[in-house]
Every structure is written in C-alpha cells, then in structure tokens.
C-alpha atoms as a PDB file:
ATOM      1  CA  UNK A   1       3.796   0.164 -14.621  1.00  0.00           C
ATOM      2  CA  UNK A   2       0.324  -0.867 -14.955  1.00  0.00           C
ATOM      3  CA  UNK A   3      -1.072   2.506 -12.719  1.00  0.00           C
ATOM      4  CA  UNK A   4       0.732   4.555 -15.521  1.00  0.00           C
ATOM      5  CA  UNK A   5      -1.104   2.855 -18.430  1.00  0.00           C
ATOM      6  CA  UNK A   6      -4.384   3.246 -16.111  1.00  0.00           C
ATOM      7  CA  UNK A   7      -3.851   7.115 -16.120  1.00  0.00           C
ATOM      8  CA  UNK A   8      -7.254   8.085 -14.068  1.00  0.00           C
ATOM      9  CA  UNK A   9      -7.293  10.179 -11.656  1.00  0.00           C
ATOM     10  CA  UNK A  10      -7.273   7.522  -8.882  1.00  0.00           C
ATOM     11  CA  UNK A  11      -4.231   5.932 -10.403  1.00  0.00           C
ATOM     12  CA  UNK A  12      -2.108   9.368 -10.418  1.00  0.00           C
ATOM     13  CA  UNK A  13      -3.311  10.394  -7.356  1.00  0.00           C
ATOM     14  CA  UNK A  14      -2.338   7.080  -5.934  1.00  0.00           C
ATOM     15  CA  UNK A  15       1.022   7.107  -7.043  1.00  0.00           C
ATOM     16  CA  UNK A  16       1.430  11.021  -6.115  1.00  0.00           C
ATOM     17  CA  UNK A  17       0.521  10.247  -2.730  1.00  0.00           C
ATOM     18  CA  UNK A  18       3.752   7.875  -2.533  1.00  0.00           C
ATOM     19  CA  UNK A  19       6.034  11.124  -4.014  1.00  0.00           C
ATOM     20  CA  UNK A  20       6.200   9.161  -7.429  1.00  0.00           C
ATOM     21  CA  UNK A  21       7.039  12.070 -10.140  1.00  0.00           C
ATOM     22  CA  UNK A  22       5.165  10.379 -12.813  1.00  0.00           C
ATOM     23  CA  UNK A  23       6.213  13.222 -15.867  1.00  0.00           C
ATOM     24  CA  UNK A  24      10.311  13.328 -14.130  1.00  0.00           C
ATOM     25  CA  UNK A  25      10.452   9.593 -13.814  1.00  0.00           C
ATOM     26  CA  UNK A  26      12.997   7.583 -15.037  1.00  0.00           C
ATOM     27  CA  UNK A  27      12.250   3.636 -16.074  1.00  0.00           C
ATOM     28  CA  UNK A  28      14.997   1.528 -16.949  1.00  0.00           C
ATOM     29  CA  UNK A  29      13.532  -2.069 -18.166  1.00  0.00           C
ATOM     30  CA  UNK A  30      16.623  -4.210 -18.214  1.00  0.00           C
ATOM     31  CA  UNK A  31      15.856  -7.626 -20.253  1.00  0.00           C
ATOM     32  CA  UNK A  32      18.524 -10.595 -20.093  1.00  0.00           C
ATOM     33  CA  UNK A  33      19.555 -13.363 -21.766  1.00  0.00           C
ATOM     34  CA  UNK A  34      17.742 -16.308 -20.922  1.00  0.00           C
ATOM     35  CA  UNK A  35      18.314 -19.604 -20.135  1.00  0.00           C
ATOM     36  CA  UNK A  36      17.789 -21.127 -23.476  1.00  0.00           C
ATOM     37  CA  UNK A  37      19.503 -18.248 -25.329  1.00  0.00           C
ATOM     38  CA  UNK A  38      21.223 -19.340 -28.800  1.00  0.00           C
ATOM     39  CA  UNK A  39      24.638 -17.828 -29.474  1.00  0.00           C
ATOM     40  CA  UNK A  40      25.557 -15.771 -32.739  1.00  0.00           C
ATOM     41  CA  UNK A  41      23.501 -12.351 -32.053  1.00  0.00           C
ATOM     42  CA  UNK A  42      22.381 -11.036 -34.832  1.00  0.00           C
ATOM     43  CA  UNK A  43      21.814  -7.377 -34.118  1.00  0.00           C
ATOM     44  CA  UNK A  44      20.879  -6.356 -37.441  1.00  0.00           C
ATOM     45  CA  UNK A  45      17.404  -9.115 -36.863  1.00  0.00           C
ATOM     46  CA  UNK A  46      16.062  -8.134 -34.284  1.00  0.00           C
ATOM     47  CA  UNK A  47      13.801 -11.232 -34.037  1.00  0.00           C
ATOM     48  CA  UNK A  48      16.775 -13.810 -33.829  1.00  0.00           C
ATOM     49  CA  UNK A  49      18.679 -11.882 -30.843  1.00  0.00           C
ATOM     50  CA  UNK A  50      19.278 -14.381 -28.084  1.00  0.00           C
ATOM     51  CA  UNK A  51      17.528 -16.921 -30.633  1.00  0.00           C
ATOM     52  CA  UNK A  52      14.136 -15.295 -30.591  1.00  0.00           C
ATOM     53  CA  UNK A  53      11.900 -15.653 -32.959  1.00  0.00           C
ATOM     54  CA  UNK A  54       8.316 -14.756 -34.040  1.00  0.00           C
ATOM     55  CA  UNK A  55       6.022 -11.688 -34.024  1.00  0.00           C
ATOM     56  CA  UNK A  56       5.978 -11.436 -29.964  1.00  0.00           C
ATOM     57  CA  UNK A  57      10.037 -11.426 -29.818  1.00  0.00           C
ATOM     58  CA  UNK A  58      10.157  -9.057 -32.742  1.00  0.00           C
ATOM     59  CA  UNK A  59       7.217  -6.776 -31.356  1.00  0.00           C
ATOM     60  CA  UNK A  60       8.295  -6.888 -27.993  1.00  0.00           C
ATOM     61  CA  UNK A  61      12.406  -5.506 -28.850  1.00  0.00           C
ATOM     62  CA  UNK A  62      10.788  -3.455 -31.617  1.00  0.00           C
ATOM     63  CA  UNK A  63       8.815  -1.526 -29.653  1.00  0.00           C
ATOM     64  CA  UNK A  64      11.842  -0.990 -26.663  1.00  0.00           C
ATOM     65  CA  UNK A  65      13.731   0.363 -29.104  1.00  0.00           C
ATOM     66  CA  UNK A  66      11.616   2.595 -30.927  1.00  0.00           C
ATOM     67  CA  UNK A  67      10.661   4.128 -27.674  1.00  0.00           C
ATOM     68  CA  UNK A  68      13.901   4.487 -25.606  1.00  0.00           C
ATOM     69  CA  UNK A  69      15.483   7.031 -25.348  1.00  0.00           C
ATOM     70  CA  UNK A  70      18.957   5.893 -23.677  1.00  0.00           C
ATOM     71  CA  UNK A  71      21.018   2.429 -24.088  1.00  0.00           C
ATOM     72  CA  UNK A  72      24.374   1.128 -23.600  1.00  0.00           C
ATOM     73  CA  UNK A  73      23.482  -2.209 -25.796  1.00  0.00           C
ATOM     74  CA  UNK A  74      25.901  -1.531 -28.006  1.00  0.00           C
ATOM     75  CA  UNK A  75      29.011  -2.176 -25.941  1.00  0.00           C
ATOM     76  CA  UNK A  76      29.360  -5.591 -26.036  1.00  0.00           C
ATOM     77  CA  UNK A  77      29.055  -8.061 -29.189  1.00  0.00           C
ATOM     78  CA  UNK A  78      27.368 -10.430 -27.504  1.00  0.00           C
ATOM     79  CA  UNK A  79      25.537  -8.600 -24.866  1.00  0.00           C
ATOM     80  CA  UNK A  80      23.759 -10.913 -21.487  1.00  0.00           C
ATOM     81  CA  UNK A  81      21.534  -8.112 -20.803  1.00  0.00           C
ATOM     82  CA  UNK A  82      19.414  -5.214 -22.838  1.00  0.00           C
ATOM     83  CA  UNK A  83      18.881  -1.853 -21.161  1.00  0.00           C
ATOM     84  CA  UNK A  84      16.341   0.708 -22.393  1.00  0.00           C
ATOM     85  CA  UNK A  85      15.755   3.403 -20.568  1.00  0.00           C
ATOM     86  CA  UNK A  86      12.011   5.676 -20.482  1.00  0.00           C
ATOM     87  CA  UNK A  87      11.468   8.445 -19.134  1.00  0.00           C
ATOM     88  CA  UNK A  88       7.707   9.689 -17.225  1.00  0.00           C
ATOM     89  CA  UNK A  89       4.521   8.099 -17.536  1.00  0.00           C
ATOM     90  CA  UNK A  90       3.524   8.969 -21.099  1.00  0.00           C
ATOM     91  CA  UNK A  91       5.964   7.114 -22.423  1.00  0.00           C
ATOM     92  CA  UNK A  92       5.334   3.898 -21.055  1.00  0.00           C
ATOM     93  CA  UNK A  93       1.690   4.359 -21.908  1.00  0.00           C
ATOM     94  CA  UNK A  94       2.578   5.035 -25.634  1.00  0.00           C
ATOM     95  CA  UNK A  95       4.769   1.658 -25.619  1.00  0.00           C
ATOM     96  CA  UNK A  96       2.435  -0.259 -23.552  1.00  0.00           C
ATOM     97  CA  UNK A  97      -1.080   0.716 -24.755  1.00  0.00           C
ATOM     98  CA  UNK A  98      -0.426   2.231 -28.185  1.00  0.00           C
ATOM     99  CA  UNK A  99       2.640   0.576 -28.933  1.00  0.00           C
ATOM    100  CA  UNK A 100       2.514  -3.049 -28.039  1.00  0.00           C
ATOM    101  CA  UNK A 101      -1.931  -2.771 -27.804  1.00  0.00           C
ATOM    102  CA  UNK A 102      -2.155  -3.645 -24.215  1.00  0.00           C
ATOM    103  CA  UNK A 103      -4.869  -2.547 -21.665  1.00  0.00           C
ATOM    104  CA  UNK A 104      -3.574  -1.476 -18.068  1.00  0.00           C
ATOM    105  CA  UNK A 105      -5.030  -4.972 -16.474  1.00  0.00           C
ATOM    106  CA  UNK A 106      -2.971  -6.695 -19.723  1.00  0.00           C
ATOM    107  CA  UNK A 107       0.387  -5.332 -18.415  1.00  0.00           C
ATOM    108  CA  UNK A 108       1.299  -7.483 -15.185  1.00  0.00           C
ATOM    109  CA  UNK A 109       0.055 -10.871 -17.341  1.00  0.00           C
ATOM    110  CA  UNK A 110       2.636  -9.354 -20.163  1.00  0.00           C
ATOM    111  CA  UNK A 111       5.278  -8.958 -17.437  1.00  0.00           C
ATOM    112  CA  UNK A 112       4.585 -12.351 -16.052  1.00  0.00           C
ATOM    113  CA  UNK A 113       4.835 -13.855 -19.080  1.00  0.00           C
ATOM    114  CA  UNK A 114       8.323 -12.188 -19.795  1.00  0.00           C
ATOM    115  CA  UNK A 115       9.513 -13.160 -15.840  1.00  0.00           C
ATOM    116  CA  UNK A 116       8.345 -16.803 -16.596  1.00  0.00           C
ATOM    117  CA  UNK A 117      10.417 -16.551 -20.330  1.00  0.00           C
ATOM    118  CA  UNK A 118      13.681 -15.542 -18.053  1.00  0.00           C
ATOM    119  CA  UNK A 119      13.950 -12.482 -20.307  1.00  0.00           C
ATOM    120  CA  UNK A 120      12.646  -9.543 -17.868  1.00  0.00           C
ATOM    121  CA  UNK A 121      15.230  -9.016 -15.375  1.00  0.00           C
ATOM    122  CA  UNK A 122      14.076  -6.137 -13.571  1.00  0.00           C
ATOM    123  CA  UNK A 123      12.050  -2.326 -14.151  1.00  0.00           C
ATOM    124  CA  UNK A 124      13.810   0.210 -12.320  1.00  0.00           C
ATOM    125  CA  UNK A 125      11.509   3.382 -11.234  1.00  0.00           C
ATOM    126  CA  UNK A 126      13.727   6.260 -10.017  1.00  0.00           C
ATOM    127  CA  UNK A 127      12.856   9.989  -9.965  1.00  0.00           C
ATOM    128  CA  UNK A 128      14.624  13.048  -8.332  1.00  0.00           C
ATOM    129  CA  UNK A 129      17.751  11.464  -8.863  1.00  0.00           C
ATOM    130  CA  UNK A 130      17.578   9.241  -5.063  1.00  0.00           C
ATOM    131  CA  UNK A 131      14.038   8.201  -5.043  1.00  0.00           C
ATOM    132  CA  UNK A 132      13.206   4.958  -6.459  1.00  0.00           C
ATOM    133  CA  UNK A 133      10.481   2.375  -5.716  1.00  0.00           C
ATOM    134  CA  UNK A 134      12.989   0.184  -4.274  1.00  0.00           C
ATOM    135  CA  UNK A 135      13.373   2.357  -1.574  1.00  0.00           C
ATOM    136  CA  UNK A 136       9.541   2.763  -0.899  1.00  0.00           C
ATOM    137  CA  UNK A 137       8.661   1.627   2.806  1.00  0.00           C
ATOM    138  CA  UNK A 138       6.690  -1.788   3.193  1.00  0.00           C
ATOM    139  CA  UNK A 139       3.750   0.202   3.655  1.00  0.00           C
ATOM    140  CA  UNK A 140       3.870   2.012   0.517  1.00  0.00           C
ATOM    141  CA  UNK A 141       4.590  -0.839  -1.473  1.00  0.00           C
ATOM    142  CA  UNK A 142       1.352  -2.560   0.385  1.00  0.00           C
ATOM    143  CA  UNK A 143      -0.491   0.690  -0.920  1.00  0.00           C
ATOM    144  CA  UNK A 144       0.843   0.474  -4.705  1.00  0.00           C
ATOM    145  CA  UNK A 145       0.057  -3.703  -4.688  1.00  0.00           C
ATOM    146  CA  UNK A 146      -3.555  -3.906  -2.887  1.00  0.00           C
ATOM    147  CA  UNK A 147      -5.133  -0.286  -4.035  1.00  0.00           C
ATOM    148  CA  UNK A 148      -3.200  -0.682  -7.296  1.00  0.00           C
ATOM    149  CA  UNK A 149      -4.927  -3.894  -8.366  1.00  0.00           C
ATOM    150  CA  UNK A 150      -8.330  -2.807  -7.200  1.00  0.00           C
ATOM    151  CA  UNK A 151      -7.572   0.017  -9.670  1.00  0.00           C
ATOM    152  CA  UNK A 152      -6.142  -1.743 -12.292  1.00  0.00           C
ATOM    153  CA  UNK A 153      -8.393  -4.747 -12.533  1.00  0.00           C
ATOM    154  CA  UNK A 154     -11.764  -2.897 -11.872  1.00  0.00           C
ATOM    155  CA  UNK A 155     -13.542  -4.352 -15.259  1.00  0.00           C
ATOM    156  CA  UNK A 156     -13.032  -7.890 -14.378  1.00  0.00           C
ATOM    157  CA  UNK A 157     -15.043  -9.770 -11.762  1.00  0.00           C
ATOM    158  CA  UNK A 158     -12.669 -10.954  -9.131  1.00  0.00           C
ATOM    159  CA  UNK A 159     -12.401 -12.202  -5.924  1.00  0.00           C
ATOM    160  CA  UNK A 160      -9.269 -10.192  -3.624  1.00  0.00           C
ATOM    161  CA  UNK A 161      -8.130 -12.183  -0.481  1.00  0.00           C
ATOM    162  CA  UNK A 162      -5.848  -9.715   1.390  1.00  0.00           C
ATOM    163  CA  UNK A 163      -4.646 -10.837   5.102  1.00  0.00           C
ATOM    164  CA  UNK A 164      -4.125  -7.757   7.111  1.00  0.00           C
ATOM    165  CA  UNK A 165      -3.067  -5.250   4.451  1.00  0.00           C
ATOM    166  CA  UNK A 166      -3.336  -2.707   6.591  1.00  0.00           C
ATOM    167  CA  UNK A 167      -0.209  -3.867   8.596  1.00  0.00           C
ATOM    168  CA  UNK A 168       2.601  -1.609   7.500  1.00  0.00           C
ATOM    169  CA  UNK A 169       0.788   1.290   6.541  1.00  0.00           C
ATOM    170  CA  UNK A 170       0.827   4.911   8.424  1.00  0.00           C
ATOM    171  CA  UNK A 171      -2.230   5.374  10.696  1.00  0.00           C
ATOM    172  CA  UNK A 172      -3.700   7.751   8.153  1.00  0.00           C
ATOM    173  CA  UNK A 173      -3.414   5.357   5.163  1.00  0.00           C
ATOM    174  CA  UNK A 174      -5.113   2.947   7.264  1.00  0.00           C
ATOM    175  CA  UNK A 175      -7.918   4.878   7.538  1.00  0.00           C
ATOM    176  CA  UNK A 176      -8.088   5.935   4.056  1.00  0.00           C
ATOM    177  CA  UNK A 177      -7.441   2.247   2.709  1.00  0.00           C
ATOM    178  CA  UNK A 178     -10.982   1.222   2.819  1.00  0.00           C
ATOM    179  CA  UNK A 179     -12.277   3.739   0.566  1.00  0.00           C
ATOM    180  CA  UNK A 180      -9.505   3.981  -1.470  1.00  0.00           C
ATOM    181  CA  UNK A 181      -9.908   0.145  -2.120  1.00  0.00           C
ATOM    182  CA  UNK A 182     -13.433  -0.081  -2.871  1.00  0.00           C
ATOM    183  CA  UNK A 183     -13.216   2.860  -5.079  1.00  0.00           C
ATOM    184  CA  UNK A 184     -11.422   1.218  -7.486  1.00  0.00           C
ATOM    185  CA  UNK A 185     -13.394  -2.410  -6.748  1.00  0.00           C
ATOM    186  CA  UNK A 186     -15.579  -3.425  -9.449  1.00  0.00           C
ATOM    187  CA  UNK A 187     -19.445  -4.022  -8.535  1.00  0.00           C
ATOM    188  CA  UNK A 188     -19.093  -7.279  -9.581  1.00  0.00           C
ATOM    189  CA  UNK A 189     -16.158  -8.220  -7.468  1.00  0.00           C
ATOM    190  CA  UNK A 190     -15.537  -9.301  -3.891  1.00  0.00           C
ATOM    191  CA  UNK A 191     -13.110  -8.692  -1.153  1.00  0.00           C
ATOM    192  CA  UNK A 192     -12.315 -10.688   1.790  1.00  0.00           C
ATOM    193  CA  UNK A 193      -9.716  -8.443   4.120  1.00  0.00           C
ATOM    194  CA  UNK A 194      -8.563 -10.079   7.443  1.00  0.00           C
ATOM    195  CA  UNK A 195      -7.660  -7.867  10.232  1.00  0.00           C
ATOM    196  CA  UNK A 196      -7.030  -6.890  13.918  1.00  0.00           C
ATOM    197  CA  UNK A 197      -7.041  -3.058  13.288  1.00  0.00           C
ATOM    198  CA  UNK A 198      -9.868  -0.538  14.671  1.00  0.00           C
ATOM    199  CA  UNK A 199      -9.077   1.931  12.381  1.00  0.00           C
ATOM    200  CA  UNK A 200     -10.108  -0.193   9.655  1.00  0.00           C
ATOM    201  CA  UNK A 201     -13.033  -1.713  11.591  1.00  0.00           C
ATOM    202  CA  UNK A 202     -14.110   1.809  11.969  1.00  0.00           C
ATOM    203  CA  UNK A 203     -13.986   2.655   8.410  1.00  0.00           C
ATOM    204  CA  UNK A 204     -16.308  -0.352   7.136  1.00  0.00           C
ATOM    205  CA  UNK A 205     -20.220  -1.238   7.387  1.00  0.00           C
ATOM    206  CA  UNK A 206     -21.281  -3.181  10.269  1.00  0.00           C
ATOM    207  CA  UNK A 207     -23.108  -5.240   7.953  1.00  0.00           C
ATOM    208  CA  UNK A 208     -19.617  -6.214   6.120  1.00  0.00           C
ATOM    209  CA  UNK A 209     -17.573  -7.261   9.552  1.00  0.00           C
ATOM    210  CA  UNK A 210     -17.448 -10.804  10.248  1.00  0.00           C
ATOM    211  CA  UNK A 211     -15.967 -11.924  13.752  1.00  0.00           C
ATOM    212  CA  UNK A 212     -14.098 -15.513  13.500  1.00  0.00           C
ATOM    213  CA  UNK A 213     -13.348 -16.827  16.570  1.00  0.00           C
ATOM    214  CA  UNK A 214     -11.401 -19.983  16.563  1.00  0.00           C
ATOM    215  CA  UNK A 215     -12.448 -20.457  12.909  1.00  0.00           C
ATOM    216  CA  UNK A 216     -16.055 -20.137  13.720  1.00  0.00           C
ATOM    217  CA  UNK A 217     -17.952 -16.818  12.925  1.00  0.00           C
ATOM    218  CA  UNK A 218     -20.111 -14.981  15.801  1.00  0.00           C
ATOM    219  CA  UNK A 219     -22.569 -12.803  15.665  1.00  0.00           C
ATOM    220  CA  UNK A 220     -21.600  -9.161  15.210  1.00  0.00           C
ATOM    221  CA  UNK A 221     -23.789  -6.818  17.901  1.00  0.00           C
ATOM    222  CA  UNK A 222     -21.478  -3.690  17.381  1.00  0.00           C
ATOM    223  CA  UNK A 223     -21.347  -0.741  15.446  1.00  0.00           C
ATOM    224  CA  UNK A 224     -18.664   0.249  13.599  1.00  0.00           C
ATOM    225  CA  UNK A 225     -18.558   3.240  10.723  1.00  0.00           C
ATOM    226  CA  UNK A 226     -17.665   6.302  12.056  1.00  0.00           C
ATOM    227  CA  UNK A 227     -17.052   5.028  16.025  1.00  0.00           C
ATOM    228  CA  UNK A 228     -13.866   6.342  17.858  1.00  0.00           C
ATOM    229  CA  UNK A 229     -11.172   3.995  18.628  1.00  0.00           C
ATOM    230  CA  UNK A 230     -11.037   3.477  22.061  1.00  0.00           C
ATOM    231  CA  UNK A 231     -14.996   2.108  21.636  1.00  0.00           C
ATOM    232  CA  UNK A 232     -13.747  -0.322  18.673  1.00  0.00           C
ATOM    233  CA  UNK A 233     -10.920  -1.851  20.310  1.00  0.00           C
ATOM    234  CA  UNK A 234     -13.010  -2.628  23.567  1.00  0.00           C
ATOM    235  CA  UNK A 235     -16.049  -3.972  21.687  1.00  0.00           C
ATOM    236  CA  UNK A 236     -14.481  -5.813  19.148  1.00  0.00           C
ATOM    237  CA  UNK A 237     -11.234  -6.953  20.761  1.00  0.00           C
ATOM    238  CA  UNK A 238     -11.955  -6.471  24.553  1.00  0.00           C
ATOM    239  CA  UNK A 239      -8.817  -4.301  24.834  1.00  0.00           C
ATOM    240  CA  UNK A 240      -9.716  -1.428  27.576  1.00  0.00           C
ATOM    241  CA  UNK A 241      -8.749   2.254  26.605  1.00  0.00           C
ATOM    242  CA  UNK A 242      -6.195   2.086  28.970  1.00  0.00           C
ATOM    243  CA  UNK A 243      -2.874  -0.394  29.895  1.00  0.00           C
ATOM    244  CA  UNK A 244      -3.223  -1.793  33.626  1.00  0.00           C
ATOM    245  CA  UNK A 245      -0.706   1.562  34.848  1.00  0.00           C
ATOM    246  CA  UNK A 246      -3.003   3.791  33.347  1.00  0.00           C
ATOM    247  CA  UNK A 247      -6.082   2.705  34.987  1.00  0.00           C
ATOM    248  CA  UNK A 248      -4.331   1.922  38.036  1.00  0.00           C
ATOM    249  CA  UNK A 249      -2.962   5.608  38.701  1.00  0.00           C
ATOM    250  CA  UNK A 250      -6.437   7.163  37.515  1.00  0.00           C
ATOM    251  CA  UNK A 251      -7.965   4.765  39.838  1.00  0.00           C
ATOM    252  CA  UNK A 252      -5.589   5.728  42.436  1.00  0.00           C
ATOM    253  CA  UNK A 253      -6.816   9.525  42.267  1.00  0.00           C
ATOM    254  CA  UNK A 254     -10.253   9.108  42.172  1.00  0.00           C
ATOM    255  CA  UNK A 255     -10.095   6.696  45.312  1.00  0.00           C
ATOM    256  CA  UNK A 256      -8.230   9.629  47.322  1.00  0.00           C
ATOM    257  CA  UNK A 257     -10.735  12.331  45.807  1.00  0.00           C
ATOM    258  CA  UNK A 258     -13.730   9.601  47.672  1.00  0.00           C
ATOM    259  CA  UNK A 259     -11.895   9.533  50.885  1.00  0.00           C
ATOM    260  CA  UNK A 260     -10.826  13.242  50.744  1.00  0.00           C
ATOM    261  CA  UNK A 261      -7.568  12.788  51.055  1.00  0.00           C
ATOM    262  CA  UNK A 262      -6.548  15.760  48.940  1.00  0.00           C
ATOM    263  CA  UNK A 263      -2.817  15.488  49.404  1.00  0.00           C
ATOM    264  CA  UNK A 264      -2.712  12.479  48.074  1.00  0.00           C
ATOM    265  CA  UNK A 265      -5.230  12.671  45.343  1.00  0.00           C
ATOM    266  CA  UNK A 266      -2.727  16.303  44.523  1.00  0.00           C
ATOM    267  CA  UNK A 267       0.385  14.265  44.360  1.00  0.00           C
ATOM    268  CA  UNK A 268      -1.099  11.420  42.238  1.00  0.00           C
ATOM    269  CA  UNK A 269      -2.151  14.360  40.098  1.00  0.00           C
ATOM    270  CA  UNK A 270       1.212  15.651  39.102  1.00  0.00           C
ATOM    271  CA  UNK A 271       1.997  11.925  38.145  1.00  0.00           C
ATOM    272  CA  UNK A 272      -1.257  11.669  36.064  1.00  0.00           C
ATOM    273  CA  UNK A 273       0.351  14.880  34.303  1.00  0.00           C
ATOM    274  CA  UNK A 274       3.435  14.087  33.942  1.00  0.00           C
ATOM    275  CA  UNK A 275       2.401  10.449  32.436  1.00  0.00           C
ATOM    276  CA  UNK A 276      -0.503  11.516  30.024  1.00  0.00           C
ATOM    277  CA  UNK A 277      -0.138  15.730  29.736  1.00  0.00           C
ATOM    278  CA  UNK A 278      -2.190  18.240  30.074  1.00  0.00           C
ATOM    279  CA  UNK A 279      -4.153  17.644  27.359  1.00  0.00           C
ATOM    280  CA  UNK A 280      -4.953  14.531  28.534  1.00  0.00           C
ATOM    281  CA  UNK A 281      -9.218  13.898  28.980  1.00  0.00           C
ATOM    282  CA  UNK A 282      -8.458  12.030  32.267  1.00  0.00           C
ATOM    283  CA  UNK A 283      -6.037  14.681  33.039  1.00  0.00           C
ATOM    284  CA  UNK A 284      -8.686  17.440  32.304  1.00  0.00           C
ATOM    285  CA  UNK A 285     -11.434  15.658  34.197  1.00  0.00           C
ATOM    286  CA  UNK A 286      -8.941  15.023  37.291  1.00  0.00           C
ATOM    287  CA  UNK A 287      -8.123  18.761  37.291  1.00  0.00           C
ATOM    288  CA  UNK A 288     -11.874  20.284  37.353  1.00  0.00           C
ATOM    289  CA  UNK A 289     -12.944  17.865  40.167  1.00  0.00           C
ATOM    290  CA  UNK A 290      -9.899  18.766  42.133  1.00  0.00           C
ATOM    291  CA  UNK A 291     -10.495  22.719  41.545  1.00  0.00           C
ATOM    292  CA  UNK A 292     -14.458  21.740  42.458  1.00  0.00           C
ATOM    293  CA  UNK A 293     -13.608  19.828  45.616  1.00  0.00           C
ATOM    294  CA  UNK A 294     -10.358  20.332  46.921  1.00  0.00           C
ATOM    295  CA  UNK A 295     -10.508  24.080  47.643  1.00  0.00           C
END
C-alpha cells in the first residue's frame, strides 16, 4: 500500500518485478467489529458505527465510503465487518495521499494504529483473479519488506537491521539486492546486514564488509566487489570450489595422466563428462590435456 502511494519509478519497478498489476489489481480493505464496540449501530451516522466517534473515525469511514467501488456492507443491520473494494494503485493514492493527506512513510504507522485498535482485519491485494500478495513466495515477500521499506522510508534517518534477508531470494534477486536496497536508502541512514552469501558479498564494497567470528570482528584482507563466487566462497568461508567427490575424481585424472596411464585416464575422463557435463571448465581442460598427450 505504501509503495502504491509512493508511486516512484523505483517503487513501481519493484511492484512490477513481482508480477503485480498496479493498475488492474483489486484491493479489499476489511474492517472488523472491535472488541470494544458498542451496539445500536446507526448507519446514517458514520461517526457512531461500533461506537466510534471523533474526527479520525469520521475521516476513516468517510474516505472509504467515498472511494470504494463495491461492498456487501448492507447485508447486515449490525455487521461484524465492513468491506471496501478499491481498483488499482491510483485509487489507493487518491484515498490515502489526497483524502487522508498521508505520505508513503506514514501509511505503515497508520495501518498499525488500526491493527492496535482492533479495527483492521485484513488488506487483500489480488490481480488477474488468481494471484494475490498472500500467494507470493517468501522471497518475494522479503523483497517487498526490505527493499520496499528502504524506498518508502528514504526521507528518514534510520538504522535498518536485516538478518540474512537473502535467504529466500532467487539468485538473480540476490545479485540485485544490495543495489536495489541502497538505491532507496537515505544518505543519513545506515543498514547492518548479516549474510553467509557470496553473491551478496560480491555486490558489496570491501570497506563495507566486516567479518565476525565467534562474536569478534576479524580484519578483512579480501577483495569483494565483482569477484567470482568461487573465489569469494574460498576467501570468506573457506569453502573449496568443488566438493570432496569432485576434487577426488579430478585429482585421479591428473594422477593417471602423470603416470602416463592413458587407458585409466580415459575412463576417468568419461566419468568426468558424465558427472560434470562437456561444458564444465574442468572437463574442457581435461579433454584438451588428454588430446595433447594421450595421442
């Protein structure tokens, strides 16, 4: 909702990356009868629904009733909930930004207040009839939460604490995460991000990386930005390029070649192709060596 109100190129790009149709989506806002509600609902007096009174209650219901395009609120004399359907992000902006006079960074606190007051039951965003925010993957939700907040709150001096935000992300999104997140980060704000991901490290500047081991910070002697993943895995996490099986079979091939046991080497080479494929760099090198020496 805050991203709809923000309506910048970066915000719309993030929304569209997740496949959300910002103009064709439906937003269903459901208010529920709060635990403190009073009876004797008078539908003609919007300030007295469920016993609510005052300007905030009047503005809240007044705005929803002015902007919604569909509702089934008239089915009950004393409804336990009120539903208001909006179409597309422009209608959301008209309601929250123009009617309620809220900036994008005020949307979350506003909705949190409704939750704390036991008034807001849900906000359901659907598009193409079968897709909804609830059906997004954990990685997609994480992307909205982390990158979306940096965009929405970019006018404030804030400290972001993100514990492995890349865990559920597709590798391509992992590669873009740092750039997308810092793009929306205010110059006076700061983010502390924990990760075990070489893709995140490879998209970060060396001076921004701090290695913590057993609760203590170690010096960082390694380069990072733009380096290949295998090198980053080895330097930062002491993980070899290949697992034990891969290293062993490659070593066996070169041992056979050193011993000039070409029959054995050829059998191992076939095994290399079966396991790694013909386009693997180790297979290409082994093929070349075998062709040069075995003949």
